[in-house]
Amino acid sequence: MTQIYLISPPRIDDIDAFINQLDEVIAAGVISVFQLRLKGIENREIVLMGKKIVPKLQEAGIAVIINDNPRIAKDLHADGVHLGQEDGDIVEARKLLGKDAIIGVTCHNSKHLGMEAAENGADYVAFGAFYPTQTKEVVHHAEIEILEWWQDIMEIPCVAIGGINIDNALPIINAGADFIAVSSGVWNYEGGIKAALKKFQNLIENKN
């Protein structure tokens, strides 16, 4: 069954208010993985915020992944790291973080990058963007068929990312994505965070 992979907002201006939002995330009871993905701030600030965020989520049984930076992941005792194509080497990240760490890799819309990441020891690959997204400029557009292809030939999980919201998630779920990565579709949902997560879970449980 597809699981929900929640990505943080790109900016957190008020860490205390955000911690309160995480209470809603935890209360929804449907998140498997959380990625801390902050842009435009210094590593030191990410670590300071992460020290409040990571333990809270881990205590609730949610795996925490740090975007881009294996060193920060190690410093925060996070569960793993997500690497973009320009963010370092899987083998080096594994040496730093250990055999039990979760290492995911952005593979855009490329079957070749996906297979290469799997061969190099990635624990999951991420394909996208499937839809326009508010959180970053879309350079690589992925077709839903790549998820079906991946499920037919590969064992390690795939994450679908990019502009996924309540209204467009169902085709991604039906195509066999192991995880749907969601961000603004949760944080900016008019009905609130918990309601958004519950609606995503309802789509998963009642797909087709």
N, C-alpha and C. Protein backbone atom coordinates (compact mmCIF):
# COMPACT_ATOMS: atom_id res chain seq x y z
N MET A 1 0.85 -1.21 0.00
CA MET A 1 0.00 0.00 0.00
C MET A 1 0.88 1.25 0.00
N THR A 2 0.48 2.22 -0.77
CA THR A 2 1.20 3.50 -0.81
C THR A 2 1.24 4.14 0.58
N GLN A 3 2.39 4.74 0.90
CA GLN A 3 2.54 5.45 2.16
C GLN A 3 2.80 6.94 1.90
N ILE A 4 2.61 7.74 2.93
CA ILE A 4 2.74 9.20 2.80
C ILE A 4 4.09 9.65 3.32
N TYR A 5 4.78 10.39 2.49
CA TYR A 5 6.12 10.91 2.77
C TYR A 5 5.97 12.44 2.79
N LEU A 6 6.02 13.03 3.97
CA LEU A 6 5.77 14.46 4.12
C LEU A 6 7.07 15.25 4.09
N ILE A 7 7.11 16.27 3.26
CA ILE A 7 8.28 17.15 3.16
C ILE A 7 7.96 18.47 3.85
N SER A 8 8.92 18.97 4.60
CA SER A 8 8.71 20.22 5.33
C SER A 8 8.49 21.38 4.36
N PRO A 9 7.91 22.48 4.84
CA PRO A 9 7.91 23.69 4.02
C PRO A 9 9.37 24.11 3.76
N PRO A 10 9.62 24.83 2.67
CA PRO A 10 11.00 25.24 2.38
C PRO A 10 11.55 26.25 3.38
N ARG A 11 10.65 26.93 4.11
CA ARG A 11 11.08 27.87 5.15
C ARG A 11 10.25 27.64 6.41
N ILE A 12 10.91 27.75 7.55
CA ILE A 12 10.22 27.72 8.83
C ILE A 12 10.61 29.00 9.57
N ASP A 13 9.70 29.94 9.63
CA ASP A 13 10.00 31.24 10.23
C ASP A 13 9.82 31.25 11.74
N ASP A 14 8.95 30.39 12.23
CA ASP A 14 8.66 30.33 13.66
C ASP A 14 8.71 28.87 14.08
N ILE A 15 9.82 28.46 14.68
CA ILE A 15 10.01 27.04 15.00
C ILE A 15 8.99 26.56 16.02
N ASP A 16 8.62 27.40 16.97
CA ASP A 16 7.64 26.98 17.99
C ASP A 16 6.27 26.72 17.36
N ALA A 17 5.88 27.61 16.44
CA ALA A 17 4.60 27.40 15.74
C ALA A 17 4.66 26.14 14.89
N PHE A 18 5.82 25.89 14.29
CA PHE A 18 5.96 24.69 13.46
C PHE A 18 5.88 23.42 14.31
N ILE A 19 6.46 23.45 15.48
CA ILE A 19 6.38 22.30 16.38
C ILE A 19 4.91 22.00 16.71
N ASN A 20 4.11 23.05 16.87
CA ASN A 20 2.68 22.84 17.10
C ASN A 20 2.01 22.20 15.88
N GLN A 21 2.46 22.60 14.69
CA GLN A 21 1.93 21.97 13.48
C GLN A 21 2.30 20.48 13.43
N LEU A 22 3.49 20.16 13.92
CA LEU A 22 3.89 18.75 13.93
C LEU A 22 2.99 17.92 14.85
N ASP A 23 2.43 18.56 15.86
CA ASP A 23 1.46 17.84 16.70
C ASP A 23 0.28 17.38 15.87
N GLU A 24 -0.15 18.22 14.92
CA GLU A 24 -1.24 17.83 14.02
C GLU A 24 -0.83 16.69 13.11
N VAL A 25 0.40 16.77 12.60
CA VAL A 25 0.93 15.71 11.74
C VAL A 25 0.92 14.38 12.49
N ILE A 26 1.44 14.40 13.70
CA ILE A 26 1.51 13.17 14.49
C ILE A 26 0.11 12.66 14.82
N ALA A 27 -0.79 13.58 15.17
CA ALA A 27 -2.15 13.19 15.53
C ALA A 27 -2.89 12.52 14.38
N ALA A 28 -2.53 12.89 13.15
CA ALA A 28 -3.19 12.27 12.00
C ALA A 28 -2.88 10.78 11.92
N GLY A 29 -1.70 10.40 12.38
CA GLY A 29 -1.34 8.99 12.48
C GLY A 29 -1.12 8.28 11.16
N VAL A 30 -0.77 9.02 10.10
CA VAL A 30 -0.65 8.38 8.78
C VAL A 30 0.71 8.61 8.10
N ILE A 31 1.60 9.34 8.75
CA ILE A 31 2.88 9.65 8.13
C ILE A 31 3.91 8.58 8.44
N SER A 32 4.59 8.09 7.40
CA SER A 32 5.67 7.12 7.58
C SER A 32 7.04 7.80 7.63
N VAL A 33 7.20 8.81 6.78
CA VAL A 33 8.50 9.45 6.60
C VAL A 33 8.31 10.96 6.54
N PHE A 34 9.25 11.68 7.14
CA PHE A 34 9.27 13.14 7.09
C PHE A 34 10.65 13.57 6.61
N GLN A 35 10.67 14.46 5.62
CA GLN A 35 11.94 15.01 5.14
C GLN A 35 12.07 16.47 5.54
N LEU A 36 13.16 16.78 6.22
CA LEU A 36 13.46 18.17 6.57
C LEU A 36 14.21 18.78 5.39
N ARG A 37 13.52 19.66 4.68
CA ARG A 37 14.08 20.26 3.46
C ARG A 37 13.92 21.77 3.56
N LEU A 38 14.96 22.43 4.08
CA LEU A 38 14.93 23.88 4.25
C LEU A 38 15.89 24.52 3.26
N LYS A 39 15.47 25.59 2.65
CA LYS A 39 16.26 26.25 1.62
C LYS A 39 16.59 27.68 2.03
N GLY A 40 17.77 28.13 1.65
CA GLY A 40 18.15 29.52 1.83
C GLY A 40 18.57 29.90 3.24
N ILE A 41 18.88 28.90 4.09
CA ILE A 41 19.38 29.23 5.42
C ILE A 41 20.67 28.45 5.67
N GLU A 42 21.43 28.91 6.63
CA GLU A 42 22.72 28.28 6.93
C GLU A 42 22.53 26.92 7.60
N ASN A 43 23.53 26.07 7.41
CA ASN A 43 23.48 24.74 8.01
C ASN A 43 23.30 24.79 9.52
N ARG A 44 23.91 25.79 10.15
CA ARG A 44 23.81 25.91 11.60
C ARG A 44 22.36 26.08 12.03
N GLU A 45 21.61 26.88 11.27
CA GLU A 45 20.19 27.09 11.60
C GLU A 45 19.38 25.81 11.37
N ILE A 46 19.72 25.07 10.32
CA ILE A 46 19.02 23.81 10.06
C ILE A 46 19.23 22.85 11.23
N VAL A 47 20.46 22.82 11.74
CA VAL A 47 20.76 21.93 12.86
C VAL A 47 19.98 22.36 14.11
N LEU A 48 19.94 23.67 14.36
CA LEU A 48 19.21 24.15 15.54
C LEU A 48 17.73 23.80 15.46
N MET A 49 17.14 23.98 14.30
CA MET A 49 15.73 23.60 14.13
C MET A 49 15.57 22.09 14.20
N GLY A 50 16.49 21.39 13.56
CA GLY A 50 16.42 19.94 13.52
C GLY A 50 16.47 19.30 14.89
N LYS A 51 17.18 19.93 15.82
CA LYS A 51 17.28 19.37 17.17
C LYS A 51 15.93 19.36 17.89
N LYS A 52 15.03 20.23 17.44
CA LYS A 52 13.68 20.23 18.01
C LYS A 52 12.73 19.33 17.21
N ILE A 53 12.97 19.25 15.92
CA ILE A 53 12.06 18.53 15.03
C ILE A 53 12.31 17.02 15.04
N VAL A 54 13.57 16.62 14.90
CA VAL A 54 13.90 15.21 14.68
C VAL A 54 13.46 14.32 15.84
N PRO A 55 13.83 14.64 17.10
CA PRO A 55 13.42 13.73 18.19
C PRO A 55 11.91 13.63 18.34
N LYS A 56 11.23 14.73 18.13
CA LYS A 56 9.76 14.73 18.30
C LYS A 56 9.11 13.73 17.34
N LEU A 57 9.55 13.75 16.10
CA LEU A 57 8.96 12.86 15.11
C LEU A 57 9.41 11.41 15.33
N GLN A 58 10.67 11.23 15.66
CA GLN A 58 11.16 9.87 15.89
C GLN A 58 10.44 9.21 17.06
N GLU A 59 10.16 10.00 18.09
CA GLU A 59 9.43 9.45 19.24
C GLU A 59 8.04 8.99 18.86
N ALA A 60 7.50 9.57 17.79
CA ALA A 60 6.18 9.18 17.30
C ALA A 60 6.26 8.06 16.26
N GLY A 61 7.46 7.54 16.04
CA GLY A 61 7.62 6.43 15.11
C GLY A 61 7.73 6.83 13.66
N ILE A 62 8.04 8.10 13.41
CA ILE A 62 8.18 8.60 12.04
C ILE A 62 9.66 8.73 11.70
N ALA A 63 10.07 8.13 10.59
CA ALA A 63 11.46 8.23 10.14
C ALA A 63 11.73 9.64 9.62
N VAL A 64 12.88 10.20 9.99
CA VAL A 64 13.22 11.56 9.58
C VAL A 64 14.43 11.52 8.64
N ILE A 65 14.24 12.11 7.47
CA ILE A 65 15.26 12.19 6.44
C ILE A 65 15.69 13.65 6.30
N ILE A 66 16.99 13.87 6.18
CA ILE A 66 17.51 15.22 5.95
C ILE A 66 17.83 15.39 4.47
N ASN A 67 17.40 16.49 3.91
CA ASN A 67 17.65 16.75 2.50
C ASN A 67 19.09 17.19 2.26
N ASP A 68 19.71 16.59 1.27
CA ASP A 68 20.99 17.05 0.69
C ASP A 68 22.25 16.74 1.49
N ASN A 69 22.19 16.78 2.82
CA ASN A 69 23.44 16.88 3.60
C ASN A 69 23.62 15.70 4.57
N PRO A 70 24.44 14.71 4.21
CA PRO A 70 24.66 13.58 5.10
C PRO A 70 25.28 13.97 6.44
N ARG A 71 26.12 15.00 6.45
CA ARG A 71 26.75 15.41 7.71
C ARG A 71 25.71 15.93 8.69
N ILE A 72 24.77 16.74 8.22
CA ILE A 72 23.71 17.21 9.10
C ILE A 72 22.86 16.03 9.58
N ALA A 73 22.59 15.08 8.68
CA ALA A 73 21.82 13.90 9.07
C ALA A 73 22.52 13.16 10.21
N LYS A 74 23.83 13.05 10.12
CA LYS A 74 24.59 12.37 11.18
C LYS A 74 24.55 13.18 12.48
N ASP A 75 24.76 14.49 12.37
CA ASP A 75 24.79 15.35 13.56
C ASP A 75 23.45 15.31 14.30
N LEU A 76 22.36 15.19 13.54
CA LEU A 76 21.01 15.21 14.15
C LEU A 76 20.51 13.81 14.52
N HIS A 77 21.31 12.79 14.25
CA HIS A 77 20.88 11.40 14.49
C HIS A 77 19.58 11.12 13.75
N ALA A 78 19.48 11.67 12.55
CA ALA A 78 18.31 11.41 11.71
C ALA A 78 18.38 9.98 11.18
N ASP A 79 17.29 9.54 10.58
CA ASP A 79 17.23 8.17 10.08
C ASP A 79 17.90 8.01 8.72
N GLY A 80 18.15 9.13 8.04
CA GLY A 80 18.79 9.01 6.74
C GLY A 80 18.89 10.35 6.04
N VAL A 81 19.24 10.26 4.76
CA VAL A 81 19.47 11.46 3.94
C VAL A 81 18.86 11.24 2.57
N HIS A 82 18.40 12.34 1.97
CA HIS A 82 17.94 12.32 0.59
C HIS A 82 18.94 13.10 -0.25
N LEU A 83 19.50 12.46 -1.27
CA LEU A 83 20.52 13.07 -2.11
C LEU A 83 19.95 13.47 -3.47
N GLY A 84 20.16 14.73 -3.84
CA GLY A 84 19.92 15.13 -5.22
C GLY A 84 21.07 14.66 -6.08
N GLN A 85 20.94 14.84 -7.38
CA GLN A 85 21.99 14.39 -8.28
C GLN A 85 23.31 15.14 -8.09
N GLU A 86 23.24 16.32 -7.47
CA GLU A 86 24.45 17.11 -7.26
C GLU A 86 24.88 17.11 -5.80
N ASP A 87 24.30 16.23 -4.99
CA ASP A 87 24.50 16.33 -3.53
C ASP A 87 25.38 15.25 -2.93
N GLY A 88 26.21 14.65 -3.74
CA GLY A 88 27.14 13.69 -3.17
C GLY A 88 26.87 12.27 -3.61
N ASP A 89 27.65 11.40 -3.08
CA ASP A 89 27.75 10.02 -3.53
C ASP A 89 27.08 9.08 -2.53
N ILE A 90 26.32 8.12 -3.04
CA ILE A 90 25.63 7.17 -2.16
C ILE A 90 26.62 6.40 -1.31
N VAL A 91 27.71 5.95 -1.92
CA VAL A 91 28.69 5.14 -1.19
C VAL A 91 29.31 5.94 -0.06
N GLU A 92 29.65 7.19 -0.32
CA GLU A 92 30.23 8.03 0.74
C GLU A 92 29.22 8.31 1.85
N ALA A 93 27.98 8.56 1.46
CA ALA A 93 26.95 8.79 2.47
C ALA A 93 26.76 7.55 3.33
N ARG A 94 26.82 6.37 2.70
CA ARG A 94 26.68 5.13 3.46
C ARG A 94 27.82 4.95 4.46
N LYS A 95 29.03 5.29 4.04
CA LYS A 95 30.19 5.19 4.94
C LYS A 95 29.99 6.09 6.16
N LEU A 96 29.47 7.28 5.92
CA LEU A 96 29.29 8.25 7.00
C LEU A 96 28.15 7.86 7.93
N LEU A 97 27.04 7.41 7.35
CA LEU A 97 25.82 7.21 8.13
C LEU A 97 25.61 5.78 8.61
N GLY A 98 26.29 4.83 7.99
CA GLY A 98 26.17 3.45 8.43
C GLY A 98 25.18 2.64 7.62
N LYS A 99 25.25 1.34 7.80
CA LYS A 99 24.48 0.42 6.96
C LYS A 99 22.97 0.52 7.19
N ASP A 100 22.57 0.99 8.36
CA ASP A 100 21.14 1.03 8.67
C ASP A 100 20.46 2.33 8.25
N ALA A 101 21.23 3.30 7.79
CA ALA A 101 20.65 4.58 7.38
C ALA A 101 19.83 4.42 6.11
N ILE A 102 18.80 5.24 6.00
CA ILE A 102 17.99 5.30 4.78
C ILE A 102 18.62 6.32 3.84
N ILE A 103 18.94 5.89 2.64
CA ILE A 103 19.51 6.81 1.64
C ILE A 103 18.62 6.80 0.41
N GLY A 104 18.02 7.95 0.13
CA GLY A 104 17.18 8.10 -1.04
C GLY A 104 17.84 9.00 -2.06
N VAL A 105 17.47 8.84 -3.31
CA VAL A 105 18.12 9.59 -4.39
C VAL A 105 17.09 10.13 -5.37
N THR A 106 17.23 11.40 -5.70
CA THR A 106 16.42 12.02 -6.75
C THR A 106 16.85 11.47 -8.11
N CYS A 107 15.90 10.97 -8.87
CA CYS A 107 16.21 10.42 -10.19
C CYS A 107 15.42 11.10 -11.31
N HIS A 108 14.74 12.20 -10.98
CA HIS A 108 14.02 13.00 -11.96
C HIS A 108 13.03 12.14 -12.76
N ASN A 109 13.24 12.11 -14.07
CA ASN A 109 12.37 11.33 -14.95
C ASN A 109 13.18 10.26 -15.68
N SER A 110 14.27 9.82 -15.06
CA SER A 110 15.26 8.98 -15.74
C SER A 110 15.26 7.55 -15.22
N LYS A 111 14.93 6.61 -16.09
CA LYS A 111 15.04 5.19 -15.74
C LYS A 111 16.50 4.83 -15.46
N HIS A 112 17.39 5.39 -16.25
CA HIS A 112 18.82 5.10 -16.08
C HIS A 112 19.32 5.54 -14.69
N LEU A 113 18.96 6.75 -14.28
CA LEU A 113 19.39 7.23 -12.97
C LEU A 113 18.80 6.37 -11.85
N GLY A 114 17.56 5.94 -12.05
CA GLY A 114 16.93 5.09 -11.06
C GLY A 114 17.66 3.77 -10.90
N MET A 115 17.97 3.12 -12.00
CA MET A 115 18.66 1.83 -11.95
C MET A 115 20.07 1.99 -11.40
N GLU A 116 20.72 3.09 -11.77
CA GLU A 116 22.07 3.36 -11.26
C GLU A 116 22.05 3.55 -9.75
N ALA A 117 21.07 4.31 -9.25
CA ALA A 117 20.95 4.52 -7.81
C ALA A 117 20.72 3.21 -7.07
N ALA A 118 19.85 2.37 -7.63
CA ALA A 118 19.58 1.07 -7.01
C ALA A 118 20.84 0.21 -6.97
N GLU A 119 21.59 0.21 -8.04
CA GLU A 119 22.82 -0.58 -8.10
C GLU A 119 23.87 -0.08 -7.11
N ASN A 120 23.83 1.21 -6.82
CA ASN A 120 24.82 1.79 -5.90
C ASN A 120 24.39 1.73 -4.43
N GLY A 121 23.22 1.13 -4.18
CA GLY A 121 22.83 0.89 -2.80
C GLY A 121 21.80 1.85 -2.22
N ALA A 122 21.10 2.59 -3.07
CA ALA A 122 20.04 3.47 -2.55
C ALA A 122 18.93 2.62 -1.94
N ASP A 123 18.28 3.16 -0.92
CA ASP A 123 17.15 2.48 -0.29
C ASP A 123 15.83 2.83 -0.94
N TYR A 124 15.79 3.96 -1.62
CA TYR A 124 14.63 4.31 -2.44
C TYR A 124 15.07 5.29 -3.51
N VAL A 125 14.27 5.37 -4.57
CA VAL A 125 14.50 6.38 -5.61
C VAL A 125 13.27 7.27 -5.68
N ALA A 126 13.48 8.52 -6.07
CA ALA A 126 12.38 9.48 -6.18
C ALA A 126 12.27 9.96 -7.62
N PHE A 127 11.09 9.82 -8.19
CA PHE A 127 10.82 10.29 -9.54
C PHE A 127 9.90 11.50 -9.50
N GLY A 128 10.10 12.44 -10.41
CA GLY A 128 9.25 13.61 -10.50
C GLY A 128 9.98 14.76 -11.18
N ALA A 129 9.34 15.87 -11.39
CA ALA A 129 8.03 16.22 -10.84
C ALA A 129 6.92 15.73 -11.76
N PHE A 130 5.83 15.25 -11.14
CA PHE A 130 4.69 14.78 -11.90
C PHE A 130 3.72 15.91 -12.24
N TYR A 131 3.70 16.93 -11.41
CA TYR A 131 2.81 18.07 -11.62
C TYR A 131 3.58 19.35 -11.31
N PRO A 132 3.07 20.51 -11.75
CA PRO A 132 3.69 21.78 -11.32
C PRO A 132 3.69 21.87 -9.80
N THR A 133 4.73 22.47 -9.26
CA THR A 133 4.86 22.53 -7.81
C THR A 133 5.19 23.94 -7.34
N GLN A 134 4.73 24.26 -6.14
CA GLN A 134 4.98 25.57 -5.56
C GLN A 134 6.33 25.65 -4.85
N THR A 135 6.95 24.50 -4.58
CA THR A 135 8.13 24.50 -3.73
C THR A 135 9.44 24.60 -4.48
N LYS A 136 9.44 24.32 -5.78
CA LYS A 136 10.68 24.49 -6.55
C LYS A 136 10.34 24.56 -8.04
N GLU A 137 11.27 25.11 -8.81
CA GLU A 137 11.08 25.19 -10.25
C GLU A 137 11.17 23.80 -10.86
N VAL A 138 10.20 23.46 -11.69
CA VAL A 138 10.20 22.14 -12.32
C VAL A 138 11.08 22.17 -13.57
N VAL A 139 12.15 21.39 -13.53
CA VAL A 139 13.04 21.26 -14.69
C VAL A 139 12.79 19.93 -15.39
N HIS A 140 12.51 18.90 -14.59
CA HIS A 140 12.29 17.56 -15.12
C HIS A 140 10.84 17.14 -14.86
N HIS A 141 10.11 16.87 -15.92
CA HIS A 141 8.73 16.41 -15.78
C HIS A 141 8.68 14.91 -16.00
N ALA A 142 8.13 14.18 -15.04
CA ALA A 142 8.03 12.72 -15.13
C ALA A 142 6.62 12.31 -15.52
N GLU A 143 6.54 11.24 -16.29
CA GLU A 143 5.25 10.66 -16.65
C GLU A 143 4.91 9.53 -15.68
N ILE A 144 3.63 9.34 -15.45
CA ILE A 144 3.18 8.34 -14.49
C ILE A 144 3.65 6.94 -14.87
N GLU A 145 3.83 6.70 -16.15
CA GLU A 145 4.24 5.36 -16.62
C GLU A 145 5.56 4.91 -15.99
N ILE A 146 6.42 5.85 -15.60
CA ILE A 146 7.71 5.45 -15.03
C ILE A 146 7.52 4.71 -13.71
N LEU A 147 6.44 5.02 -12.99
CA LEU A 147 6.15 4.33 -11.73
C LEU A 147 5.74 2.89 -12.01
N GLU A 148 4.92 2.69 -13.02
CA GLU A 148 4.49 1.34 -13.39
C GLU A 148 5.68 0.51 -13.87
N TRP A 149 6.54 1.14 -14.67
CA TRP A 149 7.74 0.45 -15.15
C TRP A 149 8.62 0.03 -13.99
N TRP A 150 8.82 0.93 -13.03
CA TRP A 150 9.68 0.62 -11.89
C TRP A 150 9.14 -0.56 -11.09
N GLN A 151 7.86 -0.56 -10.85
CA GLN A 151 7.27 -1.64 -10.06
C GLN A 151 7.38 -2.99 -10.77
N ASP A 152 7.41 -2.97 -12.08
CA ASP A 152 7.51 -4.22 -12.84
C ASP A 152 8.88 -4.85 -12.76
N ILE A 153 9.93 -4.03 -12.58
CA ILE A 153 11.28 -4.60 -12.71
C ILE A 153 12.16 -4.47 -11.47
N MET A 154 11.80 -3.59 -10.52
CA MET A 154 12.70 -3.32 -9.40
C MET A 154 12.03 -3.63 -8.06
N GLU A 155 12.89 -3.91 -7.08
CA GLU A 155 12.42 -4.26 -5.74
C GLU A 155 12.37 -3.06 -4.80
N ILE A 156 13.36 -2.16 -4.88
CA ILE A 156 13.42 -1.08 -3.89
C ILE A 156 12.29 -0.07 -4.15
N PRO A 157 11.83 0.60 -3.11
CA PRO A 157 10.67 1.48 -3.25
C PRO A 157 10.94 2.70 -4.13
N CYS A 158 9.86 3.21 -4.71
CA CYS A 158 9.93 4.47 -5.44
C CYS A 158 9.01 5.49 -4.78
N VAL A 159 9.47 6.73 -4.77
CA VAL A 159 8.73 7.86 -4.24
C VAL A 159 8.33 8.76 -5.40
N ALA A 160 7.06 9.12 -5.46
CA ALA A 160 6.59 10.08 -6.45
C ALA A 160 6.55 11.46 -5.81
N ILE A 161 7.10 12.45 -6.52
CA ILE A 161 7.22 13.78 -5.94
C ILE A 161 6.87 14.85 -6.97
N GLY A 162 6.41 15.98 -6.48
CA GLY A 162 6.22 17.12 -7.36
C GLY A 162 4.78 17.51 -7.58
N GLY A 163 4.30 18.47 -6.78
CA GLY A 163 2.98 19.04 -6.99
C GLY A 163 1.81 18.14 -6.65
N ILE A 164 2.04 17.10 -5.87
CA ILE A 164 0.97 16.15 -5.57
C ILE A 164 0.05 16.73 -4.50
N ASN A 165 -1.25 16.71 -4.80
CA ASN A 165 -2.23 17.22 -3.84
C ASN A 165 -3.45 16.30 -3.82
N ILE A 166 -4.44 16.67 -3.03
CA ILE A 166 -5.63 15.84 -2.88
C ILE A 166 -6.31 15.58 -4.22
N ASP A 167 -6.31 16.57 -5.10
CA ASP A 167 -7.06 16.48 -6.34
C ASP A 167 -6.36 15.66 -7.42
N ASN A 168 -5.03 15.51 -7.33
CA ASN A 168 -4.34 14.82 -8.42
C ASN A 168 -3.56 13.58 -7.98
N ALA A 169 -3.68 13.20 -6.72
CA ALA A 169 -2.86 12.10 -6.19
C ALA A 169 -3.29 10.72 -6.67
N LEU A 170 -4.56 10.54 -6.98
CA LEU A 170 -5.07 9.19 -7.24
C LEU A 170 -4.37 8.47 -8.39
N PRO A 171 -4.11 9.12 -9.54
CA PRO A 171 -3.40 8.40 -10.60
C PRO A 171 -2.00 7.94 -10.18
N ILE A 172 -1.35 8.73 -9.34
CA ILE A 172 -0.03 8.36 -8.84
C ILE A 172 -0.13 7.13 -7.94
N ILE A 173 -1.12 7.13 -7.08
CA ILE A 173 -1.35 5.99 -6.18
C ILE A 173 -1.67 4.74 -6.98
N ASN A 174 -2.56 4.88 -7.96
CA ASN A 174 -2.97 3.73 -8.78
C ASN A 174 -1.83 3.19 -9.63
N ALA A 175 -0.85 4.05 -9.95
CA ALA A 175 0.29 3.61 -10.76
C ALA A 175 1.29 2.79 -9.94
N GLY A 176 1.10 2.77 -8.63
CA GLY A 176 1.94 1.90 -7.81
C GLY A 176 3.05 2.58 -7.05
N ALA A 177 3.00 3.90 -6.90
CA ALA A 177 4.03 4.56 -6.11
C ALA A 177 4.05 3.98 -4.69
N ASP A 178 5.23 3.63 -4.22
CA ASP A 178 5.34 3.12 -2.84
C ASP A 178 5.10 4.24 -1.84
N PHE A 179 5.52 5.45 -2.21
CA PHE A 179 5.31 6.63 -1.36
C PHE A 179 4.87 7.79 -2.24
N ILE A 180 3.98 8.63 -1.72
CA ILE A 180 3.72 9.92 -2.35
C ILE A 180 4.32 10.99 -1.46
N ALA A 181 5.19 11.81 -2.06
CA ALA A 181 5.81 12.91 -1.32
C ALA A 181 4.92 14.14 -1.46
N VAL A 182 4.49 14.67 -0.34
CA VAL A 182 3.58 15.82 -0.35
C VAL A 182 4.16 16.93 0.52
N SER A 183 3.89 18.17 0.13
CA SER A 183 4.38 19.30 0.90
C SER A 183 3.32 20.39 0.96
N SER A 184 3.28 21.29 -0.03
CA SER A 184 2.31 22.38 0.02
C SER A 184 0.88 21.87 0.01
N GLY A 185 0.65 20.68 -0.57
CA GLY A 185 -0.68 20.09 -0.57
C GLY A 185 -1.18 19.74 0.82
N VAL A 186 -0.25 19.74 1.80
CA VAL A 186 -0.62 19.53 3.20
C VAL A 186 -0.53 20.83 3.98
N TRP A 187 0.63 21.49 3.92
CA TRP A 187 0.84 22.70 4.74
C TRP A 187 -0.10 23.82 4.37
N ASN A 188 -0.49 23.91 3.09
CA ASN A 188 -1.33 25.01 2.64
C ASN A 188 -2.79 24.61 2.44
N TYR A 189 -3.15 23.43 2.86
CA TYR A 189 -4.52 22.95 2.65
C TYR A 189 -5.49 23.75 3.50
N GLU A 190 -6.57 24.23 2.87
CA GLU A 190 -7.50 25.13 3.56
C GLU A 190 -8.14 24.50 4.79
N GLY A 191 -8.35 23.21 4.74
CA GLY A 191 -9.01 22.54 5.86
C GLY A 191 -8.09 22.19 7.00
N GLY A 192 -6.80 22.48 6.83
CA GLY A 192 -5.85 22.19 7.89
C GLY A 192 -5.00 20.97 7.61
N ILE A 193 -3.91 20.86 8.34
CA ILE A 193 -2.91 19.82 8.11
C ILE A 193 -3.48 18.43 8.35
N LYS A 194 -4.11 18.24 9.50
CA LYS A 194 -4.63 16.92 9.85
C LYS A 194 -5.68 16.46 8.85
N ALA A 195 -6.55 17.38 8.43
CA ALA A 195 -7.59 17.03 7.46
C ALA A 195 -6.97 16.62 6.12
N ALA A 196 -5.93 17.34 5.70
CA ALA A 196 -5.27 17.00 4.43
C ALA A 196 -4.69 15.60 4.48
N LEU A 197 -3.99 15.31 5.57
CA LEU A 197 -3.36 13.99 5.69
C LEU A 197 -4.40 12.88 5.73
N LYS A 198 -5.49 13.12 6.41
CA LYS A 198 -6.55 12.12 6.47
C LYS A 198 -7.16 11.89 5.08
N LYS A 199 -7.28 12.95 4.29
CA LYS A 199 -7.84 12.81 2.95
C LYS A 199 -6.88 12.03 2.04
N PHE A 200 -5.58 12.30 2.17
CA PHE A 200 -4.60 11.51 1.40
C PHE A 200 -4.71 10.04 1.77
N GLN A 201 -4.81 9.76 3.06
CA GLN A 201 -4.90 8.38 3.50
C GLN A 201 -6.18 7.72 3.00
N ASN A 202 -7.24 8.48 2.96
CA ASN A 202 -8.51 7.94 2.45
C ASN A 202 -8.40 7.58 0.96
N LEU A 203 -7.70 8.42 0.20
CA LEU A 203 -7.46 8.10 -1.21
C LEU A 203 -6.69 6.79 -1.35
N ILE A 204 -5.69 6.62 -0.51
CA ILE A 204 -4.86 5.42 -0.56
C ILE A 204 -5.69 4.17 -0.24
N GLU A 205 -6.49 4.28 0.79
CA GLU A 205 -7.25 3.11 1.25
C GLU A 205 -8.42 2.77 0.34
N ASN A 206 -8.87 3.75 -0.44
CA ASN A 206 -10.03 3.52 -1.31
C ASN A 206 -9.68 3.78 -2.77
N LYS A 207 -8.44 3.47 -3.15
CA LYS A 207 -7.99 3.75 -4.52
C LYS A 207 -8.83 2.99 -5.55
N ASN A 208 -8.70 3.45 -6.78
CA ASN A 208 -9.47 2.95 -7.90
C ASN A 208 -10.92 3.42 -7.85
